Amino acid sequence: MEDYLDEFVDSLGNGDDPHDCWQENGFWPSRVDASLEDICVWITAISFNYLENGGLEAYLTFVSGRALPELLIGFKILECEELYKVCEILLRQFGAKYPRKDSVRGKVVVNNLHQIEALETKFLEAMEVDHYSEKVETYAQHYFEQRNRSK
């Protein structure tokens, strides 16, 4: 199978950086030229890249952690039920209102480090159970097929 995911990650937004959707004062999907669905699937791919390279603690502490609530939408689109469940558990660690502000989120991570470290393993296991890699690759392939038809 051709690798569509890397191209999807690199090209979403038509020149705008999708990271700009997530700021400390909220989620602003209109900052890029892409659908909400595409942005939310894109952030799942970016998030797992961070997770695999730095761990869940680092992912949550840095700018990347601002996007955690949108992972739920991405997992729902991809029909990744186990990942959705793990993400819900992780979100509950942060209370009723998810903190987009990096310093606030960082304090919650430090105070809940043991639970968060345990959830990192669950995320990686859920990726396998849900066949995440295959689903996100298929999504990326359909994205390009649709884009090519509209040209």
N, C-alpha and C. Protein backbone atom coordinates (compact mmCIF):
# COMPACT_ATOMS: atom_id res chain seq x y z
N MET A 1 0.85 -1.18 0.00
CA MET A 1 0.00 0.00 0.00
C MET A 1 0.89 1.24 0.00
N GLU A 2 0.54 2.20 -0.83
CA GLU A 2 1.28 3.46 -0.87
C GLU A 2 1.09 4.21 0.43
N ASP A 3 2.11 4.96 0.84
CA ASP A 3 2.05 5.70 2.10
C ASP A 3 1.44 7.08 1.84
N TYR A 4 0.17 7.20 2.16
CA TYR A 4 -0.53 8.47 2.00
C TYR A 4 -0.45 9.32 3.26
N LEU A 5 -0.21 8.69 4.39
CA LEU A 5 -0.28 9.40 5.66
C LEU A 5 0.75 10.52 5.76
N ASP A 6 2.00 10.25 5.39
CA ASP A 6 3.02 11.30 5.47
C ASP A 6 2.64 12.50 4.62
N GLU A 7 2.15 12.25 3.43
CA GLU A 7 1.74 13.35 2.56
C GLU A 7 0.53 14.09 3.14
N PHE A 8 -0.40 13.34 3.72
CA PHE A 8 -1.57 13.94 4.37
C PHE A 8 -1.12 14.87 5.50
N VAL A 9 -0.22 14.38 6.34
CA VAL A 9 0.29 15.17 7.47
C VAL A 9 1.01 16.42 6.97
N ASP A 10 1.79 16.27 5.92
CA ASP A 10 2.58 17.39 5.40
C ASP A 10 1.77 18.41 4.62
N SER A 11 0.65 18.00 4.01
CA SER A 11 -0.05 18.91 3.11
C SER A 11 -1.36 19.48 3.65
N LEU A 12 -1.89 18.93 4.72
CA LEU A 12 -3.17 19.43 5.22
C LEU A 12 -3.06 20.91 5.56
N GLY A 13 -4.02 21.67 5.13
CA GLY A 13 -4.05 23.10 5.42
C GLY A 13 -3.65 23.95 4.23
N ASN A 14 -3.23 23.33 3.15
CA ASN A 14 -2.86 24.07 1.93
C ASN A 14 -1.91 25.22 2.21
N GLY A 15 -0.84 24.94 2.93
CA GLY A 15 0.17 25.95 3.22
C GLY A 15 0.07 26.54 4.61
N ASP A 16 -1.10 26.46 5.23
CA ASP A 16 -1.25 26.92 6.61
C ASP A 16 -0.86 25.77 7.54
N ASP A 17 -0.31 26.09 8.68
CA ASP A 17 0.10 25.07 9.64
C ASP A 17 -1.08 24.71 10.53
N PRO A 18 -1.59 23.48 10.45
CA PRO A 18 -2.72 23.09 11.30
C PRO A 18 -2.45 23.22 12.79
N HIS A 19 -1.18 23.21 13.20
CA HIS A 19 -0.88 23.44 14.62
C HIS A 19 -1.46 24.76 15.11
N ASP A 20 -1.60 25.72 14.20
CA ASP A 20 -2.11 27.04 14.57
C ASP A 20 -3.56 27.01 15.04
N CYS A 21 -4.26 25.89 14.83
CA CYS A 21 -5.64 25.77 15.31
C CYS A 21 -5.71 25.75 16.83
N TRP A 22 -4.63 25.30 17.46
CA TRP A 22 -4.62 25.14 18.91
C TRP A 22 -3.79 26.23 19.55
N GLN A 23 -4.48 27.06 20.32
CA GLN A 23 -3.83 28.13 21.05
C GLN A 23 -4.18 27.98 22.53
N GLU A 24 -3.50 28.71 23.38
CA GLU A 24 -3.79 28.62 24.81
C GLU A 24 -5.18 29.15 25.16
N ASN A 25 -5.78 29.91 24.25
CA ASN A 25 -7.11 30.44 24.52
C ASN A 25 -8.21 29.69 23.77
N GLY A 26 -7.88 28.54 23.18
CA GLY A 26 -8.93 27.75 22.54
C GLY A 26 -8.51 27.01 21.29
N PHE A 27 -9.50 26.41 20.66
CA PHE A 27 -9.34 25.64 19.42
C PHE A 27 -10.01 26.44 18.31
N TRP A 28 -9.23 26.77 17.28
CA TRP A 28 -9.70 27.64 16.20
C TRP A 28 -9.48 26.96 14.85
N PRO A 29 -10.35 26.01 14.46
CA PRO A 29 -10.13 25.26 13.23
C PRO A 29 -10.19 26.11 11.96
N SER A 30 -10.79 27.29 12.03
CA SER A 30 -10.89 28.13 10.84
C SER A 30 -9.54 28.75 10.44
N ARG A 31 -8.51 28.53 11.24
CA ARG A 31 -7.18 29.09 10.92
C ARG A 31 -6.52 28.39 9.74
N VAL A 32 -7.06 27.24 9.33
CA VAL A 32 -6.49 26.53 8.19
C VAL A 32 -7.59 26.16 7.21
N ASP A 33 -7.18 25.93 5.98
CA ASP A 33 -8.10 25.56 4.92
C ASP A 33 -8.24 24.03 4.91
N ALA A 34 -9.08 23.53 5.82
CA ALA A 34 -9.32 22.10 5.92
C ALA A 34 -10.61 21.89 6.71
N SER A 35 -11.24 20.74 6.51
CA SER A 35 -12.46 20.45 7.25
C SER A 35 -12.12 20.09 8.69
N LEU A 36 -13.09 20.24 9.57
CA LEU A 36 -12.92 19.87 10.97
C LEU A 36 -12.53 18.39 11.08
N GLU A 37 -13.17 17.55 10.29
CA GLU A 37 -12.87 16.11 10.32
C GLU A 37 -11.42 15.85 9.95
N ASP A 38 -10.96 16.49 8.88
CA ASP A 38 -9.58 16.29 8.45
C ASP A 38 -8.59 16.78 9.51
N ILE A 39 -8.89 17.92 10.13
CA ILE A 39 -8.01 18.46 11.17
C ILE A 39 -7.94 17.49 12.36
N CYS A 40 -9.07 16.95 12.75
CA CYS A 40 -9.10 16.06 13.92
C CYS A 40 -8.42 14.72 13.65
N VAL A 41 -8.52 14.22 12.43
CA VAL A 41 -7.77 13.00 12.09
C VAL A 41 -6.29 13.34 11.99
N TRP A 42 -5.96 14.49 11.41
CA TRP A 42 -4.56 14.93 11.30
C TRP A 42 -3.92 14.97 12.68
N ILE A 43 -4.63 15.51 13.68
CA ILE A 43 -4.02 15.65 15.00
C ILE A 43 -3.81 14.29 15.65
N THR A 44 -4.60 13.28 15.30
CA THR A 44 -4.32 11.95 15.85
C THR A 44 -2.96 11.46 15.35
N ALA A 45 -2.68 11.67 14.08
CA ALA A 45 -1.40 11.23 13.52
C ALA A 45 -0.24 12.00 14.14
N ILE A 46 -0.38 13.30 14.26
CA ILE A 46 0.66 14.12 14.86
C ILE A 46 0.86 13.74 16.33
N SER A 47 -0.23 13.52 17.03
CA SER A 47 -0.15 13.18 18.46
C SER A 47 0.58 11.87 18.68
N PHE A 48 0.31 10.88 17.86
CA PHE A 48 1.01 9.61 18.05
C PHE A 48 2.48 9.73 17.69
N ASN A 49 2.80 10.61 16.79
CA ASN A 49 4.21 10.86 16.49
C ASN A 49 4.90 11.42 17.74
N TYR A 50 4.26 12.40 18.39
CA TYR A 50 4.80 12.95 19.64
C TYR A 50 4.86 11.86 20.72
N LEU A 51 3.80 11.10 20.84
CA LEU A 51 3.73 10.06 21.87
C LEU A 51 4.86 9.04 21.70
N GLU A 52 5.06 8.59 20.48
CA GLU A 52 6.08 7.57 20.22
C GLU A 52 7.50 8.12 20.37
N ASN A 53 7.68 9.42 20.18
CA ASN A 53 9.02 10.00 20.24
C ASN A 53 9.38 10.63 21.58
N GLY A 54 8.37 10.98 22.38
CA GLY A 54 8.69 11.66 23.64
C GLY A 54 7.91 11.17 24.83
N GLY A 55 6.90 10.38 24.57
CA GLY A 55 6.07 9.87 25.66
C GLY A 55 4.88 10.76 25.94
N LEU A 56 3.93 10.21 26.67
CA LEU A 56 2.68 10.91 26.95
C LEU A 56 2.89 12.14 27.83
N GLU A 57 3.79 12.05 28.78
CA GLU A 57 4.06 13.21 29.65
C GLU A 57 4.53 14.40 28.82
N ALA A 58 5.47 14.18 27.93
CA ALA A 58 5.98 15.27 27.09
C ALA A 58 4.89 15.78 26.14
N TYR A 59 4.15 14.86 25.55
CA TYR A 59 3.07 15.26 24.65
C TYR A 59 2.10 16.20 25.35
N LEU A 60 1.69 15.84 26.56
CA LEU A 60 0.70 16.63 27.28
C LEU A 60 1.25 17.96 27.78
N THR A 61 2.52 17.99 28.10
CA THR A 61 3.13 19.17 28.68
C THR A 61 3.40 20.26 27.64
N PHE A 62 3.72 19.86 26.43
CA PHE A 62 4.07 20.82 25.39
C PHE A 62 2.84 21.28 24.62
N VAL A 63 3.06 22.12 23.64
CA VAL A 63 2.01 22.70 22.81
C VAL A 63 1.09 21.61 22.25
N SER A 64 1.64 20.47 21.92
CA SER A 64 0.87 19.37 21.34
C SER A 64 -0.29 18.96 22.25
N GLY A 65 -0.12 19.08 23.55
CA GLY A 65 -1.15 18.68 24.50
C GLY A 65 -2.41 19.50 24.43
N ARG A 66 -2.34 20.67 23.82
CA ARG A 66 -3.54 21.51 23.68
C ARG A 66 -4.64 20.81 22.89
N ALA A 67 -4.26 19.84 22.08
CA ALA A 67 -5.19 19.20 21.14
C ALA A 67 -5.88 17.96 21.69
N LEU A 68 -5.64 17.60 22.92
CA LEU A 68 -6.19 16.36 23.45
C LEU A 68 -7.71 16.22 23.27
N PRO A 69 -8.53 17.24 23.53
CA PRO A 69 -9.97 17.05 23.35
C PRO A 69 -10.36 16.69 21.90
N GLU A 70 -9.62 17.20 20.93
CA GLU A 70 -9.95 16.92 19.54
C GLU A 70 -9.54 15.51 19.11
N LEU A 71 -8.68 14.88 19.91
CA LEU A 71 -8.36 13.48 19.62
C LEU A 71 -9.62 12.63 19.69
N LEU A 72 -10.50 12.94 20.63
CA LEU A 72 -11.76 12.19 20.72
C LEU A 72 -12.52 12.22 19.40
N ILE A 73 -12.60 13.39 18.81
CA ILE A 73 -13.31 13.52 17.53
C ILE A 73 -12.60 12.69 16.46
N GLY A 74 -11.28 12.79 16.41
CA GLY A 74 -10.52 12.03 15.42
C GLY A 74 -10.69 10.53 15.59
N PHE A 75 -10.65 10.06 16.84
CA PHE A 75 -10.83 8.62 17.08
C PHE A 75 -12.24 8.16 16.72
N LYS A 76 -13.20 9.02 16.95
CA LYS A 76 -14.58 8.68 16.58
C LYS A 76 -14.71 8.57 15.06
N ILE A 77 -14.14 9.51 14.34
CA ILE A 77 -14.17 9.49 12.87
C ILE A 77 -13.52 8.21 12.36
N LEU A 78 -12.41 7.83 12.96
CA LEU A 78 -11.68 6.64 12.52
C LEU A 78 -12.27 5.33 13.08
N GLU A 79 -13.30 5.45 13.90
CA GLU A 79 -13.93 4.29 14.54
C GLU A 79 -12.93 3.49 15.37
N CYS A 80 -12.16 4.20 16.16
CA CYS A 80 -11.17 3.60 17.07
C CYS A 80 -11.74 3.66 18.48
N GLU A 81 -12.55 2.67 18.82
CA GLU A 81 -13.29 2.67 20.09
C GLU A 81 -12.38 2.58 21.31
N GLU A 82 -11.36 1.76 21.28
CA GLU A 82 -10.49 1.61 22.44
C GLU A 82 -9.67 2.88 22.67
N LEU A 83 -9.17 3.47 21.59
CA LEU A 83 -8.43 4.72 21.72
C LEU A 83 -9.33 5.82 22.27
N TYR A 84 -10.57 5.84 21.83
CA TYR A 84 -11.54 6.81 22.33
C TYR A 84 -11.70 6.66 23.84
N LYS A 85 -11.85 5.42 24.30
CA LYS A 85 -12.04 5.15 25.74
C LYS A 85 -10.82 5.59 26.55
N VAL A 86 -9.63 5.28 26.07
CA VAL A 86 -8.41 5.67 26.78
C VAL A 86 -8.29 7.19 26.82
N CYS A 87 -8.62 7.83 25.72
CA CYS A 87 -8.55 9.29 25.66
C CYS A 87 -9.56 9.92 26.63
N GLU A 88 -10.74 9.35 26.75
CA GLU A 88 -11.72 9.85 27.72
C GLU A 88 -11.18 9.76 29.15
N ILE A 89 -10.56 8.64 29.47
CA ILE A 89 -9.98 8.46 30.80
C ILE A 89 -8.90 9.51 31.04
N LEU A 90 -8.07 9.72 30.04
CA LEU A 90 -7.00 10.72 30.16
C LEU A 90 -7.58 12.12 30.34
N LEU A 91 -8.58 12.47 29.58
CA LEU A 91 -9.21 13.79 29.70
C LEU A 91 -9.77 14.02 31.10
N ARG A 92 -10.31 12.99 31.71
CA ARG A 92 -10.87 13.13 33.07
C ARG A 92 -9.81 13.49 34.10
N GLN A 93 -8.54 13.21 33.81
CA GLN A 93 -7.46 13.58 34.74
C GLN A 93 -7.36 15.09 34.89
N PHE A 94 -7.91 15.82 33.92
CA PHE A 94 -7.77 17.27 33.89
C PHE A 94 -8.98 18.02 34.43
N GLY A 95 -10.00 17.31 34.87
CA GLY A 95 -11.18 17.96 35.43
C GLY A 95 -12.22 18.29 34.39
N ALA A 96 -13.21 19.08 34.79
CA ALA A 96 -14.37 19.37 33.95
C ALA A 96 -14.01 20.22 32.73
N LYS A 97 -13.07 21.14 32.85
CA LYS A 97 -12.70 22.01 31.73
C LYS A 97 -11.24 21.76 31.40
N TYR A 98 -11.00 21.26 30.20
CA TYR A 98 -9.63 20.92 29.80
C TYR A 98 -8.77 22.18 29.68
N PRO A 99 -7.61 22.20 30.33
CA PRO A 99 -6.75 23.40 30.29
C PRO A 99 -5.90 23.46 29.01
N ARG A 100 -6.19 24.41 28.16
CA ARG A 100 -5.36 24.60 26.95
C ARG A 100 -4.05 25.29 27.32
N LYS A 101 -4.05 26.03 28.41
CA LYS A 101 -2.84 26.76 28.82
C LYS A 101 -1.77 25.77 29.26
N ASP A 102 -0.62 25.85 28.62
CA ASP A 102 0.45 24.87 28.81
C ASP A 102 0.89 24.74 30.27
N SER A 103 1.06 25.86 30.97
CA SER A 103 1.55 25.80 32.35
C SER A 103 0.54 25.14 33.28
N VAL A 104 -0.73 25.38 33.06
CA VAL A 104 -1.77 24.77 33.89
C VAL A 104 -1.82 23.26 33.63
N ARG A 105 -1.79 22.90 32.36
CA ARG A 105 -1.81 21.48 31.99
C ARG A 105 -0.58 20.77 32.54
N GLY A 106 0.57 21.43 32.52
CA GLY A 106 1.81 20.85 33.03
C GLY A 106 1.71 20.52 34.51
N LYS A 107 1.07 21.38 35.28
CA LYS A 107 0.90 21.12 36.71
C LYS A 107 0.01 19.91 36.95
N VAL A 108 -1.04 19.78 36.16
CA VAL A 108 -1.93 18.62 36.30
C VAL A 108 -1.16 17.34 35.96
N VAL A 109 -0.33 17.40 34.93
CA VAL A 109 0.47 16.23 34.54
C VAL A 109 1.38 15.82 35.69
N VAL A 110 2.08 16.78 36.27
CA VAL A 110 3.00 16.47 37.39
C VAL A 110 2.24 15.85 38.56
N ASN A 111 1.06 16.38 38.86
CA ASN A 111 0.27 15.89 39.99
C ASN A 111 -0.39 14.53 39.74
N ASN A 112 -0.48 14.12 38.48
CA ASN A 112 -1.12 12.85 38.12
C ASN A 112 -0.18 11.96 37.31
N LEU A 113 1.10 12.12 37.53
CA LEU A 113 2.09 11.45 36.69
C LEU A 113 1.94 9.93 36.67
N HIS A 114 1.69 9.33 37.79
CA HIS A 114 1.57 7.87 37.84
C HIS A 114 0.42 7.38 36.95
N GLN A 115 -0.74 8.02 37.05
CA GLN A 115 -1.90 7.64 36.23
C GLN A 115 -1.62 7.87 34.75
N ILE A 116 -0.97 8.97 34.44
CA ILE A 116 -0.68 9.31 33.05
C ILE A 116 0.31 8.33 32.45
N GLU A 117 1.33 7.95 33.21
CA GLU A 117 2.29 6.97 32.71
C GLU A 117 1.60 5.63 32.42
N ALA A 118 0.65 5.24 33.26
CA ALA A 118 -0.08 3.99 33.04
C ALA A 118 -0.94 4.08 31.78
N LEU A 119 -1.47 5.26 31.50
CA LEU A 119 -2.31 5.43 30.31
C LEU A 119 -1.49 5.42 29.02
N GLU A 120 -0.22 5.76 29.10
CA GLU A 120 0.63 5.71 27.90
C GLU A 120 0.66 4.29 27.33
N THR A 121 0.83 3.31 28.19
CA THR A 121 0.83 1.91 27.75
C THR A 121 -0.52 1.55 27.15
N LYS A 122 -1.59 2.01 27.79
CA LYS A 122 -2.94 1.71 27.28
C LYS A 122 -3.17 2.32 25.90
N PHE A 123 -2.64 3.53 25.66
CA PHE A 123 -2.75 4.14 24.34
C PHE A 123 -2.07 3.27 23.28
N LEU A 124 -0.88 2.85 23.58
CA LEU A 124 -0.13 2.05 22.61
C LEU A 124 -0.81 0.72 22.35
N GLU A 125 -1.35 0.10 23.39
CA GLU A 125 -2.08 -1.16 23.22
C GLU A 125 -3.35 -0.93 22.41
N ALA A 126 -4.06 0.14 22.69
CA ALA A 126 -5.31 0.44 21.98
C ALA A 126 -5.06 0.71 20.50
N MET A 127 -3.90 1.28 20.17
CA MET A 127 -3.56 1.50 18.75
C MET A 127 -3.60 0.18 18.00
N GLU A 128 -3.04 -0.85 18.61
CA GLU A 128 -3.01 -2.18 17.98
C GLU A 128 -4.41 -2.78 17.90
N VAL A 129 -5.13 -2.73 19.01
CA VAL A 129 -6.48 -3.32 19.06
C VAL A 129 -7.39 -2.67 18.02
N ASP A 130 -7.31 -1.36 17.90
CA ASP A 130 -8.18 -0.62 16.97
C ASP A 130 -7.67 -0.61 15.53
N HIS A 131 -6.50 -1.17 15.29
CA HIS A 131 -5.89 -1.13 13.95
C HIS A 131 -5.77 0.32 13.47
N TYR A 132 -5.33 1.17 14.39
CA TYR A 132 -5.24 2.60 14.12
C TYR A 132 -4.42 2.91 12.87
N SER A 133 -3.25 2.32 12.73
CA SER A 133 -2.36 2.65 11.61
C SER A 133 -3.04 2.40 10.27
N GLU A 134 -3.74 1.28 10.16
CA GLU A 134 -4.43 0.96 8.91
C GLU A 134 -5.58 1.94 8.65
N LYS A 135 -6.31 2.27 9.71
CA LYS A 135 -7.46 3.16 9.55
C LYS A 135 -7.04 4.58 9.16
N VAL A 136 -6.00 5.08 9.78
CA VAL A 136 -5.58 6.44 9.47
C VAL A 136 -4.96 6.50 8.07
N GLU A 137 -4.28 5.45 7.68
CA GLU A 137 -3.72 5.38 6.32
C GLU A 137 -4.85 5.35 5.29
N THR A 138 -5.88 4.57 5.55
CA THR A 138 -7.03 4.51 4.65
C THR A 138 -7.72 5.87 4.56
N TYR A 139 -7.86 6.54 5.70
CA TYR A 139 -8.46 7.87 5.71
C TYR A 139 -7.64 8.82 4.83
N ALA A 140 -6.32 8.79 4.99
CA ALA A 140 -5.45 9.65 4.20
C ALA A 140 -5.58 9.34 2.71
N GLN A 141 -5.66 8.08 2.38
CA GLN A 141 -5.82 7.68 0.97
C GLN A 141 -7.12 8.25 0.41
N HIS A 142 -8.22 8.12 1.14
CA HIS A 142 -9.50 8.66 0.68
C HIS A 142 -9.46 10.18 0.57
N TYR A 143 -8.73 10.82 1.46
CA TYR A 143 -8.56 12.27 1.42
C TYR A 143 -7.95 12.68 0.07
N PHE A 144 -6.90 11.98 -0.34
CA PHE A 144 -6.24 12.33 -1.60
C PHE A 144 -7.07 11.94 -2.82
N GLU A 145 -7.76 10.84 -2.74
CA GLU A 145 -8.64 10.45 -3.85
C GLU A 145 -9.72 11.50 -4.05
N GLN A 146 -10.32 11.95 -2.97
CA GLN A 146 -11.35 12.98 -3.04
C GLN A 146 -10.77 14.30 -3.54
N ARG A 147 -9.63 14.66 -3.06
CA ARG A 147 -8.97 15.90 -3.48
C ARG A 147 -8.64 15.87 -4.97
N ASN A 148 -8.18 14.73 -5.46
CA ASN A 148 -7.84 14.61 -6.88
C ASN A 148 -9.08 14.65 -7.76
N ARG A 149 -10.20 14.11 -7.28
CA ARG A 149 -11.44 14.16 -8.05
C ARG A 149 -11.97 15.57 -8.17
N SER A 150 -11.73 16.39 -7.14
CA SER A 150 -12.28 17.76 -7.14
C SER A 150 -11.43 18.73 -7.97
N LYS A 151 -10.27 18.29 -8.43
CA LYS A 151 -9.41 19.17 -9.24
C LYS A 151 -9.86 19.25 -10.66
